[in-house]
Amino acid sequence: MNLTPRQLQDAINTISDEYFEACQEMANIAERSGVAWMEVRKTCKTNAEADQIWHTTADGRREQYLKWYIKGLEKKRNALTLEHRMAQGNTW
């Protein structure tokens, strides 16, 4: 990738916006999950079994997706930030 420092900064800003939105969605799921998980737990013998069932629900699947999506955004942002620093002549 041969991007200018400005293009790199724009990409970092875009990823930061995506990260923020994904974290907000994750927080919304977390708000709902407490009650929903307890309902699932009532029908299960163990927490592990309840977790497995939770991960099959729409919120559970979305939570898993967002977890990995957010990690990917973090790695991408870190790589772009390093490239941006190098493009500006700074390594740190």
Protein backbone atom coordinates (compact mmCIF):
# COMPACT_ATOMS: atom_id res chain seq x y z
CA MET A 1 0.00 0.00 0.00
CA ASN A 2 1.48 3.32 -1.03
CA LEU A 3 -0.82 5.79 0.63
CA THR A 4 -0.01 9.35 1.54
CA PRO A 5 0.05 10.29 5.23
CA ARG A 6 -3.31 12.06 4.72
CA GLN A 7 -4.86 8.95 3.14
CA LEU A 8 -3.50 6.83 5.97
CA GLN A 9 -4.98 9.19 8.54
CA ASP A 10 -8.33 9.08 6.75
CA ALA A 11 -8.23 5.28 6.81
CA ILE A 12 -7.37 5.30 10.52
CA ASN A 13 -10.29 7.65 11.19
CA THR A 14 -12.68 5.43 9.21
CA ILE A 15 -11.57 2.34 11.11
CA SER A 16 -11.91 4.21 14.40
CA ASP A 17 -15.50 5.11 13.48
CA GLU A 18 -16.25 1.46 12.60
CA TYR A 19 -14.66 0.36 15.87
CA PHE A 20 -16.79 2.77 17.87
CA GLU A 21 -20.01 1.65 16.16
CA ALA A 22 -19.18 -2.03 16.66
CA CYS A 23 -18.43 -1.41 20.35
CA GLN A 24 -21.73 0.42 20.76
CA GLU A 25 -23.58 -2.52 19.23
CA MET A 26 -21.67 -4.90 21.51
CA ALA A 27 -22.72 -2.79 24.52
CA ASN A 28 -26.37 -2.96 23.42
CA ILE A 29 -26.13 -6.74 23.18
CA ALA A 30 -24.50 -6.88 26.61
CA GLU A 31 -27.43 -4.94 28.07
CA ARG A 32 -29.90 -7.47 26.69
CA SER A 33 -27.81 -10.57 27.27
CA GLY A 34 -28.04 -10.66 31.05
CA VAL A 35 -31.76 -11.26 31.11
CA ALA A 36 -31.76 -13.41 27.98
CA TRP A 37 -28.92 -15.61 29.21
CA MET A 38 -30.67 -16.17 32.55
CA GLU A 39 -33.78 -17.33 30.67
CA VAL A 40 -31.63 -19.77 28.70
CA ARG A 41 -29.90 -20.90 31.92
CA LYS A 42 -33.22 -21.92 33.47
CA THR A 43 -33.48 -24.73 30.93
CA CYS A 44 -29.88 -25.94 31.26
CA LYS A 45 -27.95 -28.03 33.75
CA THR A 46 -24.69 -26.05 33.49
CA ASN A 47 -23.42 -22.60 32.60
CA ALA A 48 -21.41 -24.12 29.74
CA GLU A 49 -24.58 -25.59 28.26
CA ALA A 50 -26.32 -22.22 28.61
CA ASP A 51 -23.37 -20.52 26.88
CA GLN A 52 -23.62 -22.95 23.98
CA ILE A 53 -27.32 -22.26 23.58
CA TRP A 54 -26.78 -18.49 23.97
CA HIS A 55 -24.29 -18.58 21.08
CA THR A 56 -26.99 -20.03 18.82
CA THR A 57 -29.32 -17.05 19.38
CA ALA A 58 -29.25 -14.03 17.05
CA ASP A 59 -27.64 -11.86 19.75
CA GLY A 60 -25.19 -14.59 20.67
CA ARG A 61 -24.09 -15.06 17.05
CA ARG A 62 -23.82 -11.29 16.57
CA GLU A 63 -21.80 -10.96 19.77
CA GLN A 64 -19.32 -13.58 18.53
CA TYR A 65 -19.05 -11.90 15.13
CA LEU A 66 -18.50 -8.47 16.69
CA LYS A 67 -15.86 -9.83 19.06
CA TRP A 68 -13.70 -10.99 16.14
CA TYR A 69 -14.59 -8.01 13.95
CA ILE A 70 -13.44 -5.61 16.69
CA LYS A 71 -10.16 -7.53 17.11
CA GLY A 72 -9.59 -7.29 13.36
CA LEU A 73 -10.25 -3.56 13.40
CA GLU A 74 -7.75 -3.14 16.24
CA LYS A 75 -5.05 -4.96 14.29
CA LYS A 76 -5.79 -3.05 11.09
CA ARG A 77 -5.74 0.27 12.94
CA ASN A 78 -2.43 -0.58 14.61
CA ALA A 79 -0.86 -1.51 11.27
CA LEU A 80 -2.09 1.69 9.62
CA THR A 81 -0.91 3.79 12.56
CA LEU A 82 2.58 2.30 12.28
CA GLU A 83 2.60 2.86 8.52
CA HIS A 84 1.41 6.44 9.09
CA ARG A 85 4.25 7.09 11.54
CA MET A 86 6.77 5.62 9.14
CA ALA A 87 5.40 7.75 6.30
CA GLN A 88 5.93 10.80 8.45
CA GLY A 89 9.49 9.76 9.24
CA ASN A 90 8.75 8.62 12.81
CA THR A 91 9.01 5.03 13.93
CA TRP A 92 7.59 5.78 17.39
